[in-house]
N, C-alpha and C. Protein backbone atom coordinates (compact mmCIF):
# COMPACT_ATOMS: atom_id res chain seq x y z
N MET A 1 66.53 87.52 60.35
CA MET A 1 66.34 88.68 60.23
C MET A 1 66.27 89.57 61.30
N ILE A 2 65.36 89.30 62.32
CA ILE A 2 65.40 89.68 63.22
C ILE A 2 66.84 89.96 64.04
N THR A 3 67.37 88.71 64.31
CA THR A 3 68.91 88.66 65.08
C THR A 3 69.84 89.43 64.32
N GLY A 4 69.55 89.69 63.01
CA GLY A 4 70.63 90.44 62.32
C GLY A 4 70.31 91.76 62.54
N LEU A 5 69.03 92.06 62.84
CA LEU A 5 68.73 93.70 63.19
C LEU A 5 68.95 94.01 64.74
N ARG A 6 69.07 93.01 65.22
CA ARG A 6 69.25 93.05 67.27
C ARG A 6 70.86 93.39 66.60
N PHE A 7 71.73 92.74 66.21
CA PHE A 7 72.97 92.31 66.02
C PHE A 7 73.51 94.11 65.25
N LEU A 8 72.93 94.55 64.55
CA LEU A 8 72.95 95.88 64.04
C LEU A 8 72.42 96.60 65.14
N SER A 9 72.03 96.75 65.57
CA SER A 9 71.28 97.72 66.49
C SER A 9 72.34 97.95 67.69
N SER A 10 72.93 96.66 68.51
CA SER A 10 73.84 96.43 69.15
C SER A 10 75.13 96.93 68.81
N PHE A 11 75.35 96.63 67.54
CA PHE A 11 76.61 97.40 67.25
C PHE A 11 77.14 98.75 67.05
N LEU A 12 75.45 99.37 66.30
CA LEU A 12 75.77 100.84 66.49
C LEU A 12 75.44 101.40 67.71
N LEU A 13 74.98 100.85 68.79
CA LEU A 13 75.08 101.35 70.06
C LEU A 13 76.32 101.25 70.60
N LEU A 14 76.99 100.28 70.50
CA LEU A 14 78.49 100.07 70.91
C LEU A 14 79.09 101.26 70.40
N LEU A 15 79.23 101.26 68.93
CA LEU A 15 79.85 102.28 68.29
C LEU A 15 80.25 103.36 68.96
N SER A 16 78.40 103.71 68.98
CA SER A 16 78.01 105.15 69.49
C SER A 16 79.10 105.69 70.72
N LEU A 17 78.86 104.51 71.77
CA LEU A 17 79.13 104.45 72.92
C LEU A 17 80.55 104.94 72.89
N SER A 18 81.56 103.93 72.13
CA SER A 18 82.74 104.27 71.87
C SER A 18 83.24 105.52 71.59
N LEU A 19 82.58 105.99 70.61
CA LEU A 19 83.02 107.53 69.95
C LEU A 19 82.48 108.75 70.70
N ASN A 20 81.69 108.47 71.43
CA ASN A 20 81.06 109.24 72.47
C ASN A 20 81.14 109.66 74.03
N ALA A 21 81.95 110.48 74.50
CA ALA A 21 81.62 110.17 76.20
C ALA A 21 80.45 111.23 76.91
N GLN A 22 79.15 110.85 76.58
CA GLN A 22 78.03 111.33 76.75
C GLN A 22 76.80 110.75 77.38
N ARG A 23 75.78 111.08 77.66
CA ARG A 23 74.76 110.42 78.15
C ARG A 23 74.30 109.44 77.40
N TYR A 24 73.53 108.34 77.63
CA TYR A 24 72.75 107.51 77.02
C TYR A 24 71.48 107.48 76.92
N PHE A 25 70.78 107.59 77.87
CA PHE A 25 69.52 107.56 78.43
C PHE A 25 68.90 109.15 78.80
N GLN A 26 67.33 109.23 78.71
CA GLN A 26 66.73 110.21 78.61
C GLN A 26 66.02 110.03 80.35
N ALA A 27 66.39 110.56 81.01
CA ALA A 27 65.70 110.43 82.14
C ALA A 27 64.44 111.63 82.55
N HIS A 28 63.47 111.11 83.45
CA HIS A 28 62.17 111.83 83.79
C HIS A 28 62.59 113.42 83.98
N PRO A 29 62.18 114.27 83.69
CA PRO A 29 62.87 115.76 83.84
C PRO A 29 63.36 115.77 85.91
N LEU A 30 62.20 115.23 86.49
CA LEU A 30 62.49 115.26 88.04
C LEU A 30 63.64 114.52 88.43
N LEU A 31 63.92 113.29 87.85
CA LEU A 31 65.09 112.67 87.92
C LEU A 31 66.56 113.20 87.44
N GLU A 32 66.57 114.02 86.40
CA GLU A 32 67.76 114.70 85.65
C GLU A 32 68.64 115.08 86.35
N LYS A 33 67.83 115.84 87.63
CA LYS A 33 68.78 116.83 88.58
C LYS A 33 69.71 115.92 89.32
N LYS A 34 69.59 114.57 89.16
CA LYS A 34 70.12 113.57 90.08
C LYS A 34 71.69 113.34 89.39
N ILE A 35 71.57 113.79 88.14
CA ILE A 35 72.63 113.07 87.35
C ILE A 35 73.55 113.92 87.57
N GLY A 36 75.16 113.48 87.88
CA GLY A 36 76.02 114.31 88.57
C GLY A 36 76.38 114.50 89.77
N GLN A 37 75.31 114.04 90.62
CA GLN A 37 75.01 114.29 92.06
C GLN A 37 75.29 112.87 92.93
N HIS A 38 75.72 113.03 94.06
CA HIS A 38 76.16 111.82 95.01
C HIS A 38 74.87 111.05 95.26
N PHE A 39 75.41 110.05 94.96
CA PHE A 39 73.78 109.04 95.47
C PHE A 39 74.25 108.34 97.14
N PRO A 40 73.22 109.20 97.88
CA PRO A 40 73.70 108.91 99.28
C PRO A 40 73.18 107.35 99.61
N ILE A 41 74.15 106.56 99.40
CA ILE A 41 74.09 105.13 99.44
C ILE A 41 74.13 105.19 101.28
N GLU A 42 74.78 106.05 101.95
CA GLU A 42 75.27 106.07 103.60
C GLU A 42 73.69 106.37 104.28
N ASN A 43 72.47 106.67 103.63
CA ASN A 43 71.54 106.76 104.18
C ASN A 43 70.61 105.38 104.24
N TYR A 44 71.19 104.42 103.25
CA TYR A 44 70.51 103.19 103.58
C TYR A 44 70.91 101.63 104.21
N LYS A 45 70.73 101.19 105.06
CA LYS A 45 70.93 100.01 106.02
C LYS A 45 71.24 98.87 105.12
N ASN A 46 72.06 98.12 105.82
CA ASN A 46 72.86 96.76 105.22
C ASN A 46 71.95 95.94 105.57
N LYS A 47 71.98 94.53 105.81
CA LYS A 47 71.27 93.49 106.35
C LYS A 47 71.26 93.10 107.65
N GLU A 48 72.69 93.73 108.28
CA GLU A 48 72.89 94.04 109.80
C GLU A 48 71.86 95.03 110.29
N GLY A 49 71.49 95.92 109.89
CA GLY A 49 70.69 97.19 110.02
C GLY A 49 71.64 98.18 110.28
N LYS A 50 73.00 98.40 109.70
CA LYS A 50 73.81 99.26 109.85
C LYS A 50 73.88 100.06 108.79
N ASN A 51 73.91 101.33 108.61
CA ASN A 51 74.29 102.45 107.39
C ASN A 51 75.10 101.85 106.91
N PHE A 52 75.24 102.28 105.41
CA PHE A 52 76.21 101.73 104.31
C PHE A 52 77.10 102.82 104.76
N SER A 53 78.51 102.74 104.51
CA SER A 53 79.37 103.50 104.38
C SER A 53 79.30 104.34 103.17
N ALA A 54 79.42 105.72 102.90
CA ALA A 54 79.76 106.69 101.92
C ALA A 54 80.65 106.10 101.13
N ASP A 55 81.69 105.38 101.43
CA ASP A 55 82.54 104.79 100.52
C ASP A 55 82.12 103.60 99.55
N LYS A 56 81.29 102.97 100.13
CA LYS A 56 80.86 101.72 99.44
C LYS A 56 80.81 101.95 98.24
N LEU A 57 80.52 102.83 97.26
CA LEU A 57 80.66 103.43 95.89
C LEU A 57 81.89 103.66 95.58
N GLN A 58 82.64 103.82 96.02
CA GLN A 58 83.68 104.52 95.82
C GLN A 58 84.52 103.31 94.93
N GLY A 59 85.53 103.65 94.04
CA GLY A 59 86.30 102.99 93.24
C GLY A 59 85.74 101.86 92.37
N LYS A 60 84.81 101.79 92.60
CA LYS A 60 83.97 100.66 91.40
C LYS A 60 82.68 101.28 90.51
N VAL A 61 82.30 100.90 89.48
CA VAL A 61 80.88 101.31 88.91
C VAL A 61 80.04 100.50 89.42
N SER A 62 78.91 101.00 89.61
CA SER A 62 77.80 100.23 90.55
C SER A 62 76.71 100.48 89.86
N LEU A 63 75.72 99.46 89.90
CA LEU A 63 74.27 99.25 89.20
C LEU A 63 73.48 99.22 90.19
N ILE A 64 72.60 100.26 90.71
CA ILE A 64 71.41 100.29 91.52
C ILE A 64 70.25 99.89 90.71
N ASN A 65 69.66 99.00 91.06
CA ASN A 65 68.16 98.62 90.73
C ASN A 65 67.15 98.98 91.88
N PHE A 66 66.17 99.53 91.29
CA PHE A 66 65.03 100.10 92.30
C PHE A 66 63.81 99.05 92.03
N TRP A 67 63.15 98.38 92.77
CA TRP A 67 62.49 97.40 92.29
C TRP A 67 60.99 97.28 93.41
N SER A 68 60.28 96.59 92.81
CA SER A 68 59.45 95.93 94.28
C SER A 68 58.83 94.37 93.77
N THR A 69 58.57 93.61 94.74
CA THR A 69 58.09 92.26 94.53
C THR A 69 56.95 92.13 93.37
N ASN A 70 56.01 93.05 93.74
CA ASN A 70 54.52 92.95 92.93
C ASN A 70 55.02 93.69 91.79
N CYS A 71 55.79 94.24 91.34
CA CYS A 71 56.01 94.92 89.99
C CYS A 71 56.34 93.99 89.10
N GLU A 72 55.31 93.84 87.90
CA GLU A 72 55.65 92.95 86.94
C GLU A 72 56.74 93.18 86.03
N PRO A 73 56.90 94.75 85.56
CA PRO A 73 58.30 95.03 84.59
C PRO A 73 59.46 94.44 85.40
N CYS A 74 59.41 94.98 86.86
CA CYS A 74 60.61 94.30 87.68
C CYS A 74 60.90 93.24 87.34
N ILE A 75 60.10 92.38 87.76
CA ILE A 75 60.45 90.84 87.51
C ILE A 75 60.50 90.47 86.14
N GLU A 76 60.01 91.02 85.09
CA GLU A 76 60.63 90.61 83.78
C GLU A 76 62.05 91.19 83.42
N GLU A 77 62.39 91.99 83.94
CA GLU A 77 64.09 92.63 83.97
C GLU A 77 65.05 91.52 84.78
N LEU A 78 64.46 90.68 85.41
CA LEU A 78 65.23 89.69 86.25
C LEU A 78 66.49 89.43 85.47
N PRO A 79 65.90 88.28 84.39
CA PRO A 79 67.15 87.65 83.95
C PRO A 79 68.37 88.50 83.02
N TYR A 80 67.87 89.90 83.02
CA TYR A 80 68.85 90.48 82.22
C TYR A 80 69.86 91.61 83.53
N LEU A 81 68.92 91.50 84.36
CA LEU A 81 69.85 92.07 85.55
C LEU A 81 71.39 90.61 86.08
N ASN A 82 70.29 89.73 86.21
CA ASN A 82 71.02 88.36 86.42
C ASN A 82 72.32 88.36 85.54
N LYS A 83 71.91 88.43 84.05
CA LYS A 83 73.06 88.24 83.09
C LYS A 83 73.91 89.57 83.20
N LEU A 84 73.71 90.57 83.20
CA LEU A 84 74.57 91.84 83.94
C LEU A 84 75.51 91.02 84.83
N LYS A 85 75.00 90.96 86.04
CA LYS A 85 75.75 90.44 87.20
C LYS A 85 76.96 88.99 86.74
N GLU A 86 76.08 88.35 86.34
CA GLU A 86 76.97 87.06 86.00
C GLU A 86 78.28 87.46 84.76
N THR A 87 77.86 88.40 84.19
CA THR A 87 79.13 88.64 82.99
C THR A 87 79.98 89.60 83.76
N LEU A 88 79.75 90.54 84.46
CA LEU A 88 80.84 91.30 85.18
C LEU A 88 81.28 91.16 86.74
N GLY A 89 80.58 89.95 87.12
CA GLY A 89 81.17 89.81 88.59
C GLY A 89 81.25 90.86 89.48
N THR A 90 82.54 90.61 89.90
CA THR A 90 82.65 91.50 91.15
C THR A 90 83.36 92.74 90.48
N LYS A 91 83.28 92.83 89.28
CA LYS A 91 84.04 94.22 88.90
C LYS A 91 82.81 95.49 88.98
N VAL A 92 81.92 95.27 89.00
CA VAL A 92 80.83 96.50 89.53
C VAL A 92 79.96 95.94 90.69
N ASN A 93 79.62 96.74 91.59
CA ASN A 93 78.72 96.64 92.51
C ASN A 93 77.35 96.54 91.85
N PHE A 94 76.51 95.45 92.49
CA PHE A 94 75.10 95.46 92.21
C PHE A 94 74.34 95.34 93.23
N ILE A 95 73.24 96.44 93.26
CA ILE A 95 72.84 96.62 94.53
C ILE A 95 71.19 96.72 94.27
N ALA A 96 70.52 96.39 94.47
CA ALA A 96 68.88 96.18 94.68
C ALA A 96 67.99 96.91 95.71
N ILE A 97 67.57 97.75 95.85
CA ILE A 97 66.65 98.61 96.86
C ILE A 97 65.20 98.45 96.62
N THR A 98 64.60 98.22 97.36
CA THR A 98 63.02 98.03 97.86
C THR A 98 62.49 98.73 99.05
N HIS A 99 60.95 99.41 99.01
CA HIS A 99 60.53 99.69 99.90
C HIS A 99 59.75 98.28 100.83
N ASP A 100 60.10 97.10 99.69
CA ASP A 100 59.03 96.02 100.62
C ASP A 100 60.29 95.39 101.76
N PRO A 101 59.59 94.89 102.77
CA PRO A 101 60.13 94.40 103.78
C PRO A 101 60.97 93.55 103.54
N LYS A 102 61.96 93.17 104.50
CA LYS A 102 62.77 92.09 104.24
C LYS A 102 62.27 90.61 103.89
N GLU A 103 61.15 90.39 104.78
CA GLU A 103 60.48 89.21 104.99
C GLU A 103 59.83 88.40 103.44
N LYS A 104 59.30 89.81 102.68
CA LYS A 104 58.62 89.48 101.52
C LYS A 104 59.86 89.43 100.56
N VAL A 105 60.76 89.96 100.50
CA VAL A 105 61.73 90.00 99.69
C VAL A 105 62.28 88.46 99.79
N ASP A 106 62.80 88.08 100.69
CA ASP A 106 63.04 86.87 100.89
C ASP A 106 62.10 85.65 100.64
N ARG A 107 61.05 86.00 100.74
CA ARG A 107 60.16 84.73 100.28
C ARG A 107 59.84 84.84 98.72
N PHE A 108 59.81 85.99 98.40
CA PHE A 108 60.05 86.07 96.77
C PHE A 108 61.53 85.61 96.05
N LEU A 109 62.42 85.86 96.69
CA LEU A 109 63.91 85.16 96.41
C LEU A 109 63.72 83.79 96.23
N ILE A 110 62.76 82.88 96.97
CA ILE A 110 62.78 81.43 96.96
C ILE A 110 62.49 81.15 95.80
N ASN A 111 61.60 81.85 94.87
CA ASN A 111 61.24 81.25 93.64
C ASN A 111 61.90 82.12 92.52
N HIS A 112 62.38 83.21 92.90
CA HIS A 112 63.16 84.16 91.88
C HIS A 112 64.33 84.44 91.79
N THR A 113 65.31 83.96 90.90
CA THR A 113 66.42 84.36 91.05
C THR A 113 66.88 85.74 90.95
N PHE A 114 67.79 86.46 91.98
CA PHE A 114 68.15 88.02 91.81
C PHE A 114 69.29 88.03 92.69
N ASN A 115 70.68 88.23 92.05
CA ASN A 115 71.86 87.76 92.96
C ASN A 115 72.44 89.25 92.94
N PHE A 116 71.42 90.02 93.19
CA PHE A 116 72.22 91.35 93.65
C PHE A 116 72.30 91.62 95.17
N ILE A 117 72.91 92.67 95.99
CA ILE A 117 72.81 93.25 97.26
C ILE A 117 71.71 93.44 97.80
N HIS A 118 70.81 92.98 98.55
CA HIS A 118 69.49 93.62 98.58
C HIS A 118 69.32 94.20 99.85
N ILE A 119 68.81 95.92 99.74
CA ILE A 119 68.30 96.56 100.58
C ILE A 119 67.16 96.60 100.69
N THR A 120 66.50 96.29 101.82
CA THR A 120 65.08 96.25 102.20
C THR A 120 64.46 97.39 103.16
N ASP A 121 63.26 97.36 103.19
CA ASP A 121 62.40 98.30 104.39
C ASP A 121 63.09 99.83 103.98
N SER A 122 62.96 100.07 103.05
CA SER A 122 63.86 101.45 102.45
C SER A 122 62.61 102.55 101.88
N VAL A 123 61.45 102.79 102.63
CA VAL A 123 60.54 103.32 102.50
C VAL A 123 60.75 104.91 102.69
N LYS A 124 61.33 105.11 104.05
CA LYS A 124 61.77 106.43 104.61
C LYS A 124 62.73 107.14 103.66
N GLU A 125 63.86 105.90 103.16
CA GLU A 125 64.94 106.47 102.40
C GLU A 125 64.41 107.08 100.91
N LEU A 126 63.67 106.30 100.38
CA LEU A 126 63.25 106.49 98.98
C LEU A 126 62.51 107.74 98.60
N GLN A 127 61.67 107.51 99.98
CA GLN A 127 60.79 108.90 100.31
C GLN A 127 61.39 110.38 100.07
N SER A 128 62.54 110.36 101.03
CA SER A 128 63.72 111.20 101.00
C SER A 128 64.45 111.54 99.99
N TYR A 129 64.62 110.53 99.04
CA TYR A 129 65.51 110.34 97.71
C TYR A 129 64.58 111.17 96.39
N PHE A 130 63.53 110.57 96.54
CA PHE A 130 62.77 110.52 95.24
C PHE A 130 61.30 111.42 95.32
N SER A 131 61.21 112.40 94.60
CA SER A 131 59.90 113.10 94.61
C SER A 131 59.17 112.23 93.80
N LEU A 132 59.30 111.26 92.69
CA LEU A 132 58.86 110.68 91.77
C LEU A 132 59.68 109.25 91.88
N ILE A 133 59.14 108.33 91.83
CA ILE A 133 59.50 106.82 91.57
C ILE A 133 58.61 106.22 90.68
N ARG A 134 59.40 105.60 89.61
CA ARG A 134 58.35 104.43 89.01
C ARG A 134 59.70 103.26 88.90
N ASN A 135 58.91 102.26 89.40
CA ASN A 135 59.80 100.96 89.38
C ASN A 135 59.58 99.95 88.02
N PRO A 136 60.57 99.58 87.52
CA PRO A 136 61.94 99.47 87.77
C PRO A 136 62.43 100.69 87.59
N LEU A 137 63.35 100.93 87.76
CA LEU A 137 64.42 102.17 87.60
C LEU A 137 65.61 101.91 87.96
N ASN A 138 66.98 102.07 87.16
CA ASN A 138 68.10 101.57 87.62
C ASN A 138 68.62 103.02 87.38
N PHE A 139 69.89 102.92 87.97
CA PHE A 139 71.02 103.76 88.07
C PHE A 139 72.38 103.33 87.91
N ILE A 140 73.34 103.89 87.14
CA ILE A 140 74.55 103.73 86.85
C ILE A 140 75.34 104.44 87.65
N ILE A 141 76.18 104.11 88.70
CA ILE A 141 77.10 105.16 89.51
C ILE A 141 78.35 105.11 89.31
N ASP A 142 79.03 106.21 89.02
CA ASP A 142 80.16 106.11 88.71
C ASP A 142 81.19 105.84 89.77
N GLN A 143 82.56 105.82 89.67
CA GLN A 143 83.41 105.16 90.69
C GLN A 143 83.94 106.15 91.80
N GLN A 144 83.10 107.36 91.70
CA GLN A 144 83.05 108.44 92.77
C GLN A 144 81.90 108.17 93.38
N GLY A 145 81.08 107.61 92.79
CA GLY A 145 79.79 107.43 94.13
C GLY A 145 78.44 108.58 93.12
N ASN A 146 78.81 108.88 92.27
CA ASN A 146 77.77 110.07 91.49
C ASN A 146 76.95 109.26 90.42
N VAL A 147 75.54 110.04 90.42
CA VAL A 147 74.86 109.08 89.47
C VAL A 147 75.12 109.34 87.99
N GLN A 148 75.51 108.54 87.33
CA GLN A 148 75.80 108.54 85.84
C GLN A 148 75.01 108.60 84.86
N GLU A 149 73.82 107.68 84.60
CA GLU A 149 72.81 107.28 83.86
C GLU A 149 71.46 106.93 84.97
N ILE A 150 70.57 107.13 84.12
CA ILE A 150 69.19 106.78 84.74
C ILE A 150 68.38 106.42 83.75
N THR A 151 67.99 105.07 84.13
CA THR A 151 67.18 104.20 82.84
C THR A 151 66.15 103.51 83.46
N GLY A 152 64.81 103.43 82.85
CA GLY A 152 63.68 102.37 83.28
C GLY A 152 64.25 101.36 83.12
N ASN A 153 63.19 100.25 82.74
CA ASN A 153 63.56 98.81 82.76
C ASN A 153 64.63 98.35 81.61
N ILE A 154 65.52 97.46 82.07
CA ILE A 154 65.99 96.81 81.44
C ILE A 154 65.56 95.72 80.16
N ASP A 155 65.80 95.66 79.11
CA ASP A 155 65.13 94.54 78.29
C ASP A 155 66.63 94.00 77.21
N GLU A 156 66.52 93.00 76.57
CA GLU A 156 68.04 92.79 75.70
C GLU A 156 68.82 94.03 75.29
N GLU A 157 68.31 94.64 74.47
CA GLU A 157 68.93 95.34 73.69
C GLU A 157 69.27 96.58 74.88
N LYS A 158 68.73 96.88 75.74
CA LYS A 158 69.32 97.83 76.42
C LYS A 158 70.43 97.26 77.60
N MET A 159 70.04 96.23 77.66
CA MET A 159 71.58 95.10 78.19
C MET A 159 72.70 95.66 77.76
N ASN A 160 72.73 95.55 76.42
CA ASN A 160 73.89 95.52 75.72
C ASN A 160 74.53 96.84 75.62
N LEU A 161 73.71 97.92 75.90
CA LEU A 161 74.49 99.21 76.16
C LEU A 161 75.05 99.56 77.68
N ILE A 162 74.10 98.68 78.39
CA ILE A 162 74.37 98.89 79.80
C ILE A 162 76.00 98.13 79.89
N LEU A 163 75.63 96.73 79.59
CA LEU A 163 76.82 96.39 79.26
C LEU A 163 78.31 97.02 79.09
N ALA A 164 78.22 97.79 77.80
CA ALA A 164 79.16 98.42 77.49
C ALA A 164 79.42 99.78 78.31
N ILE A 165 78.59 100.18 78.81
CA ILE A 165 78.79 101.66 79.92
C ILE A 165 79.55 100.58 81.12
N LEU A 166 78.93 100.08 81.79
CA LEU A 166 79.64 99.19 82.80
C LEU A 166 81.05 99.01 82.55
N ASN A 167 81.43 98.87 81.70
CA ASN A 167 82.86 98.14 80.90
C ASN A 167 83.58 98.90 80.76
N GLU A 168 83.07 100.37 80.73
CA GLU A 168 84.06 101.81 80.24
C GLU A 168 84.87 101.91 81.56
């Protein structure tokens, strides 16, 4: 019965997605103003300590996950994030951003699978971009590098909708 309801729910979400070119998630009012705006990936550093190029997010849809190693809901959503990455592969940029230091993230990744590109040590960048941040937070970025959708943690039901959005 529950499986049938999940299937019906997923089907209705996908049908709604295919019929409407609208937003699917409601974000906190302080985050809503980010919708349609350029995501400043160029403010963040790669693992070599160099700033990403602004065109890193151009030409491909991206899923950016904001998380931390001591955030229980962040850890709970990892299987869904990894499933999205496994399903979509290189069709989508998968990026995880945290304020945690690289060493702490590296230790965390020894025991937890999280197959995204990791941007660590981002305290200044996150404080500059967000007046409010609650982890986990997920941004879907369109092919022009603009924020398309914002949602909190990802669960099984939401994963199906996000998969459909990323496949558009």
